[in-house]
Amino acid sequence: NCIEQVIDGCVEISNEVGETKIGDPYNKYM
């Protein structure tokens, strides 16, 4: 359960960086 949480946290931030932090400004700009 602990390791799963660790991995899920990594999944979530990789998604946030790509889709939101970088992707959201990009999509709005385009």
All heavy atoms as atom14 arrays in JSON, in Angstrom:
{
  "sequence": "NCIEQVIDGCVEISNEVGETKIGDPYNKYM",
  "atom14_mask": [
    [1, 1, 1, 1, 1, 1, 1, 1, 0, 0, 0, 0, 0, 0],
    [1, 1, 1, 1, 1, 1, 0, 0, 0, 0, 0, 0, 0, 0],
    [1, 1, 1, 1, 1, 1, 1, 1, 0, 0, 0, 0, 0, 0],
    [1, 1, 1, 1, 1, 1, 1, 1, 1, 0, 0, 0, 0, 0],
    [1, 1, 1, 1, 1, 1, 1, 1, 1, 0, 0, 0, 0, 0],
    [1, 1, 1, 1, 1, 1, 1, 0, 0, 0, 0, 0, 0, 0],
    [1, 1, 1, 1, 1, 1, 1, 1, 0, 0, 0, 0, 0, 0],
    [1, 1, 1, 1, 1, 1, 1, 1, 0, 0, 0, 0, 0, 0],
    [1, 1, 1, 1, 0, 0, 0, 0, 0, 0, 0, 0, 0, 0],
    [1, 1, 1, 1, 1, 1, 0, 0, 0, 0, 0, 0, 0, 0],
    [1, 1, 1, 1, 1, 1, 1, 0, 0, 0, 0, 0, 0, 0],
    [1, 1, 1, 1, 1, 1, 1, 1, 1, 0, 0, 0, 0, 0],
    [1, 1, 1, 1, 1, 1, 1, 1, 0, 0, 0, 0, 0, 0],
    [1, 1, 1, 1, 1, 1, 0, 0, 0, 0, 0, 0, 0, 0],
    [1, 1, 1, 1, 1, 1, 1, 1, 0, 0, 0, 0, 0, 0],
    [1, 1, 1, 1, 1, 1, 1, 1, 1, 0, 0, 0, 0, 0],
    [1, 1, 1, 1, 1, 1, 1, 0, 0, 0, 0, 0, 0, 0],
    [1, 1, 1, 1, 0, 0, 0, 0, 0, 0, 0, 0, 0, 0],
    [1, 1, 1, 1, 1, 1, 1, 1, 1, 0, 0, 0, 0, 0],
    [1, 1, 1, 1, 1, 1, 1, 0, 0, 0, 0, 0, 0, 0],
    [1, 1, 1, 1, 1, 1, 1, 1, 1, 0, 0, 0, 0, 0],
    [1, 1, 1, 1, 1, 1, 1, 1, 0, 0, 0, 0, 0, 0],
    [1, 1, 1, 1, 0, 0, 0, 0, 0, 0, 0, 0, 0, 0],
    [1, 1, 1, 1, 1, 1, 1, 1, 0, 0, 0, 0, 0, 0],
    [1, 1, 1, 1, 1, 1, 1, 0, 0, 0, 0, 0, 0, 0],
    [1, 1, 1, 1, 1, 1, 1, 1, 1, 1, 1, 1, 0, 0],
    [1, 1, 1, 1, 1, 1, 1, 1, 0, 0, 0, 0, 0, 0],
    [1, 1, 1, 1, 1, 1, 1, 1, 1, 0, 0, 0, 0, 0],
    [1, 1, 1, 1, 1, 1, 1, 1, 1, 1, 1, 1, 0, 0],
    [1, 1, 1, 1, 1, 1, 1, 1, 0, 0, 0, 0, 0, 0]
  ],
  "atom14_positions": [
    [[0.83, -1.21, 0.0], [0.0, 0.0, 0.0], [0.86, 1.25, 0.0], [0.56, 2.24, -0.67], [-0.91, 0.03, 1.23], [-2.01, -0.99, 1.19], [-2.52, -1.4, 2.23], [-2.41, -1.43, 0.01], [0.0, 0.0, 0.0], [0.0, 0.0, 0.0], [0.0, 0.0, 0.0], [0.0, 0.0, 0.0], [0.0, 0.0, 0.0], [0.0, 0.0, 0.0]],
    [[1.96, 1.2, 0.76], [2.87, 2.35, 0.83], [3.59, 2.56, -0.51], [3.66, 3.69, -1.01], [3.89, 2.14, 1.94], [3.17, 1.98, 3.59], [0.0, 0.0, 0.0], [0.0, 0.0, 0.0], [0.0, 0.0, 0.0], [0.0, 0.0, 0.0], [0.0, 0.0, 0.0], [0.0, 0.0, 0.0], [0.0, 0.0, 0.0], [0.0, 0.0, 0.0]],
    [[4.11, 1.48, -1.06], [4.83, 1.59, -2.34], [3.87, 2.03, -3.45], [4.24, 2.83, -4.32], [5.5, 0.25, -2.7], [6.58, -0.09, -1.68], [6.07, 0.3, -4.11], [7.71, 0.91, -1.6], [0.0, 0.0, 0.0], [0.0, 0.0, 0.0], [0.0, 0.0, 0.0], [0.0, 0.0, 0.0], [0.0, 0.0, 0.0], [0.0, 0.0, 0.0]],
    [[2.66, 1.52, -3.4], [1.66, 1.92, -4.4], [1.41, 3.42, -4.32], [1.3, 4.1, -5.34], [0.37, 1.16, -4.17], [-0.72, 1.48, -5.2], [-1.99, 0.69, -4.96], [-2.29, 0.38, -3.78], [-2.68, 0.38, -5.94], [0.0, 0.0, 0.0], [0.0, 0.0, 0.0], [0.0, 0.0, 0.0], [0.0, 0.0, 0.0], [0.0, 0.0, 0.0]],
    [[1.34, 3.96, -3.09], [1.15, 5.39, -2.91], [2.34, 6.17, -3.46], [2.17, 7.22, -4.08], [0.96, 5.72, -1.43], [0.85, 7.2, -1.12], [-0.34, 7.85, -1.78], [-1.47, 7.69, -1.33], [-0.1, 8.6, -2.85], [0.0, 0.0, 0.0], [0.0, 0.0, 0.0], [0.0, 0.0, 0.0], [0.0, 0.0, 0.0], [0.0, 0.0, 0.0]],
    [[3.54, 5.66, -3.23], [4.74, 6.31, -3.75], [4.69, 6.38, -5.27], [4.94, 7.43, -5.88], [6.01, 5.57, -3.29], [7.25, 6.16, -3.96], [6.15, 5.63, -1.77], [0.0, 0.0, 0.0], [0.0, 0.0, 0.0], [0.0, 0.0, 0.0], [0.0, 0.0, 0.0], [0.0, 0.0, 0.0], [0.0, 0.0, 0.0], [0.0, 0.0, 0.0]],
    [[4.36, 5.28, -5.9], [4.3, 5.24, -7.36], [3.17, 6.12, -7.88], [3.35, 6.86, -8.86], [4.13, 3.79, -7.87], [5.35, 2.95, -7.48], [3.95, 3.77, -9.39], [5.22, 1.48, -7.81], [0.0, 0.0, 0.0], [0.0, 0.0, 0.0], [0.0, 0.0, 0.0], [0.0, 0.0, 0.0], [0.0, 0.0, 0.0], [0.0, 0.0, 0.0]],
    [[2.02, 6.07, -7.23], [0.89, 6.9, -7.65], [1.25, 8.38, -7.59], [0.86, 9.17, -8.45], [-0.34, 6.63, -6.78], [-1.04, 5.32, -7.12], [-0.74, 4.77, -8.2], [-1.86, 4.86, -6.31], [0.0, 0.0, 0.0], [0.0, 0.0, 0.0], [0.0, 0.0, 0.0], [0.0, 0.0, 0.0], [0.0, 0.0, 0.0], [0.0, 0.0, 0.0]],
    [[2.01, 8.76, -6.55], [2.44, 10.14, -6.44], [3.33, 10.54, -7.6], [3.24, 11.67, -8.12], [0.0, 0.0, 0.0], [0.0, 0.0, 0.0], [0.0, 0.0, 0.0], [0.0, 0.0, 0.0], [0.0, 0.0, 0.0], [0.0, 0.0, 0.0], [0.0, 0.0, 0.0], [0.0, 0.0, 0.0], [0.0, 0.0, 0.0], [0.0, 0.0, 0.0]],
    [[4.18, 9.62, -8.03], [5.06, 9.89, -9.18], [4.25, 9.99, -10.46], [4.54, 10.84, -11.33], [6.11, 8.78, -9.29], [7.29, 8.71, -7.93], [0.0, 0.0, 0.0], [0.0, 0.0, 0.0], [0.0, 0.0, 0.0], [0.0, 0.0, 0.0], [0.0, 0.0, 0.0], [0.0, 0.0, 0.0], [0.0, 0.0, 0.0], [0.0, 0.0, 0.0]],
    [[3.26, 9.14, -10.6], [2.39, 9.18, -11.77], [1.66, 10.52, -11.84], [1.59, 11.15, -12.9], [1.37, 8.02, -11.74], [0.31, 8.19, -12.83], [2.08, 6.68, -11.89], [0.0, 0.0, 0.0], [0.0, 0.0, 0.0], [0.0, 0.0, 0.0], [0.0, 0.0, 0.0], [0.0, 0.0, 0.0], [0.0, 0.0, 0.0], [0.0, 0.0, 0.0]],
    [[1.13, 10.94, -10.71], [0.34, 12.17, -10.67], [1.15, 13.4, -11.03], [0.7, 14.26, -11.78], [-0.29, 12.32, -9.29], [-1.41, 11.32, -9.02], [-1.83, 11.27, -7.57], [-1.34, 12.13, -6.79], [-2.63, 10.39, -7.21], [0.0, 0.0, 0.0], [0.0, 0.0, 0.0], [0.0, 0.0, 0.0], [0.0, 0.0, 0.0], [0.0, 0.0, 0.0]],
    [[2.36, 13.49, -10.5], [3.15, 14.7, -10.79], [3.69, 14.68, -12.22], [3.81, 15.73, -12.85], [4.29, 14.9, -9.77], [4.9, 16.29, -9.95], [5.33, 13.81, -9.88], [3.94, 17.44, -9.79], [0.0, 0.0, 0.0], [0.0, 0.0, 0.0], [0.0, 0.0, 0.0], [0.0, 0.0, 0.0], [0.0, 0.0, 0.0], [0.0, 0.0, 0.0]],
    [[3.99, 13.5, -12.76], [4.42, 13.46, -14.16], [3.28, 13.89, -15.07], [3.49, 14.6, -16.06], [4.9, 12.05, -14.53], [3.9, 11.08, -14.33], [0.0, 0.0, 0.0], [0.0, 0.0, 0.0], [0.0, 0.0, 0.0], [0.0, 0.0, 0.0], [0.0, 0.0, 0.0], [0.0, 0.0, 0.0], [0.0, 0.0, 0.0], [0.0, 0.0, 0.0]],
    [[2.06, 13.51, -14.71], [0.89, 13.94, -15.47], [0.68, 15.44, -15.33], [0.41, 16.14, -16.32], [-0.35, 13.18, -14.99], [-1.64, 13.71, -15.59], [-2.24, 14.65, -15.08], [-2.07, 13.11, -16.7], [0.0, 0.0, 0.0], [0.0, 0.0, 0.0], [0.0, 0.0, 0.0], [0.0, 0.0, 0.0], [0.0, 0.0, 0.0], [0.0, 0.0, 0.0]],
    [[0.81, 15.94, -14.11], [0.58, 17.36, -13.87], [1.59, 18.23, -14.61], [1.24, 19.27, -15.19], [0.64, 17.67, -12.37], [0.35, 19.12, -12.05], [0.37, 19.42, -10.57], [0.31, 18.46, -9.77], [0.45, 20.6, -10.22], [0.0, 0.0, 0.0], [0.0, 0.0, 0.0], [0.0, 0.0, 0.0], [0.0, 0.0, 0.0], [0.0, 0.0, 0.0]],
    [[2.85, 17.82, -14.59], [3.88, 18.61, -15.3], [3.59, 18.63, -16.79], [3.63, 19.69, -17.43], [5.29, 18.05, -15.02], [6.32, 18.76, -15.9], [5.65, 18.21, -13.55], [0.0, 0.0, 0.0], [0.0, 0.0, 0.0], [0.0, 0.0, 0.0], [0.0, 0.0, 0.0], [0.0, 0.0, 0.0], [0.0, 0.0, 0.0], [0.0, 0.0, 0.0]],
    [[3.31, 17.45, -17.36], [3.09, 17.38, -18.8], [1.79, 18.01, -19.26], [1.77, 18.83, -20.18], [0.0, 0.0, 0.0], [0.0, 0.0, 0.0], [0.0, 0.0, 0.0], [0.0, 0.0, 0.0], [0.0, 0.0, 0.0], [0.0, 0.0, 0.0], [0.0, 0.0, 0.0], [0.0, 0.0, 0.0], [0.0, 0.0, 0.0], [0.0, 0.0, 0.0]],
    [[0.68, 17.64, -18.61], [-0.63, 18.08, -19.07], [-1.02, 19.47, -18.57], [-1.68, 20.23, -19.28], [-1.71, 17.08, -18.65], [-1.69, 15.78, -19.44], [-2.98, 15.0, -19.27], [-3.92, 15.52, -18.65], [-3.04, 13.85, -19.76], [0.0, 0.0, 0.0], [0.0, 0.0, 0.0], [0.0, 0.0, 0.0], [0.0, 0.0, 0.0], [0.0, 0.0, 0.0]],
    [[-0.62, 19.8, -17.35], [-1.09, 21.04, -16.75], [-0.03, 22.14, -16.74], [-0.22, 23.22, -17.31], [-1.58, 20.8, -15.31], [-2.6, 19.79, -15.33], [-2.14, 22.07, -14.71], [0.0, 0.0, 0.0], [0.0, 0.0, 0.0], [0.0, 0.0, 0.0], [0.0, 0.0, 0.0], [0.0, 0.0, 0.0], [0.0, 0.0, 0.0], [0.0, 0.0, 0.0]],
    [[1.1, 21.87, -16.11], [2.1, 22.93, -15.94], [2.69, 23.38, -17.27], [2.94, 24.56, -17.47], [3.2, 22.45, -15.0], [2.71, 22.21, -13.57], [3.87, 22.03, -12.61], [3.39, 21.87, -11.18], [4.48, 21.92, -10.2], [0.0, 0.0, 0.0], [0.0, 0.0, 0.0], [0.0, 0.0, 0.0], [0.0, 0.0, 0.0], [0.0, 0.0, 0.0]],
    [[2.92, 22.43, -18.17], [3.44, 22.78, -19.5], [2.32, 22.76, -20.53], [2.2, 23.67, -21.35], [4.56, 21.82, -19.92], [5.7, 21.83, -18.89], [5.1, 22.18, -21.31], [6.82, 20.85, -19.18], [0.0, 0.0, 0.0], [0.0, 0.0, 0.0], [0.0, 0.0, 0.0], [0.0, 0.0, 0.0], [0.0, 0.0, 0.0], [0.0, 0.0, 0.0]],
    [[1.48, 21.73, -20.48], [0.45, 21.54, -21.48], [-0.65, 22.59, -21.47], [-1.12, 23.02, -22.53], [0.0, 0.0, 0.0], [0.0, 0.0, 0.0], [0.0, 0.0, 0.0], [0.0, 0.0, 0.0], [0.0, 0.0, 0.0], [0.0, 0.0, 0.0], [0.0, 0.0, 0.0], [0.0, 0.0, 0.0], [0.0, 0.0, 0.0], [0.0, 0.0, 0.0]],
    [[-1.06, 23.03, -20.28], [-2.14, 24.02, -20.2], [-1.74, 25.36, -20.84], [-2.48, 25.9, -21.67], [-2.57, 24.2, -18.75], [-3.85, 25.02, -18.62], [-4.74, 24.86, -19.47], [-3.95, 25.82, -17.68], [0.0, 0.0, 0.0], [0.0, 0.0, 0.0], [0.0, 0.0, 0.0], [0.0, 0.0, 0.0], [0.0, 0.0, 0.0], [0.0, 0.0, 0.0]],
    [[-0.57, 25.92, -20.49], [-0.16, 27.15, -21.18], [-0.02, 26.94, -22.69], [-0.4, 27.83, -23.48], [1.21, 27.46, -20.54], [1.16, 26.82, -19.21], [0.36, 25.56, -19.41], [0.0, 0.0, 0.0], [0.0, 0.0, 0.0], [0.0, 0.0, 0.0], [0.0, 0.0, 0.0], [0.0, 0.0, 0.0], [0.0, 0.0, 0.0], [0.0, 0.0, 0.0]],
    [[0.5, 25.78, -23.08], [0.69, 25.5, -24.51], [-0.67, 25.48, -25.23], [-0.82, 26.12, -26.29], [1.4, 24.17, -24.7], [1.5, 23.73, -26.14], [2.46, 24.28, -26.99], [0.61, 22.79, -26.67], [2.55, 23.89, -28.32], [0.7, 22.4, -28.0], [1.66, 22.95, -28.82], [1.74, 22.57, -30.15], [0.0, 0.0, 0.0], [0.0, 0.0, 0.0]],
    [[-1.63, 24.77, -24.67], [-2.94, 24.68, -25.3], [-3.64, 26.03, -25.37], [-4.27, 26.36, -26.37], [-3.82, 23.67, -24.56], [-3.34, 22.24, -24.72], [-2.73, 21.9, -25.74], [-3.58, 21.41, -23.73], [0.0, 0.0, 0.0], [0.0, 0.0, 0.0], [0.0, 0.0, 0.0], [0.0, 0.0, 0.0], [0.0, 0.0, 0.0], [0.0, 0.0, 0.0]],
    [[-3.52, 26.81, -24.32], [-4.13, 28.15, -24.32], [-3.45, 29.04, -25.36], [-4.11, 29.8, -26.08], [-4.01, 28.78, -22.93], [-4.99, 28.23, -21.9], [-4.81, 28.93, -20.56], [-5.96, 28.63, -19.6], [-6.12, 27.23, -19.28], [0.0, 0.0, 0.0], [0.0, 0.0, 0.0], [0.0, 0.0, 0.0], [0.0, 0.0, 0.0], [0.0, 0.0, 0.0]],
    [[-2.14, 28.94, -25.44], [-1.4, 29.75, -26.4], [-1.79, 29.38, -27.83], [-2.02, 30.25, -28.67], [0.1, 29.56, -26.21], [0.95, 30.56, -26.96], [1.42, 31.7, -26.33], [1.27, 30.36, -28.3], [2.19, 32.64, -27.02], [2.03, 31.28, -29.01], [2.5, 32.41, -28.35], [3.25, 33.33, -29.05], [0.0, 0.0, 0.0], [0.0, 0.0, 0.0]],
    [[-1.88, 28.1, -28.1], [-2.23, 27.64, -29.45], [-3.66, 27.99, -29.82], [-4.01, 28.03, -31.0], [-2.0, 26.13, -29.57], [-0.55, 25.71, -29.37], [0.64, 26.58, -30.43], [0.2, 25.93, -32.05], [0.0, 0.0, 0.0], [0.0, 0.0, 0.0], [0.0, 0.0, 0.0], [0.0, 0.0, 0.0], [0.0, 0.0, 0.0], [0.0, 0.0, 0.0]]
  ]
}
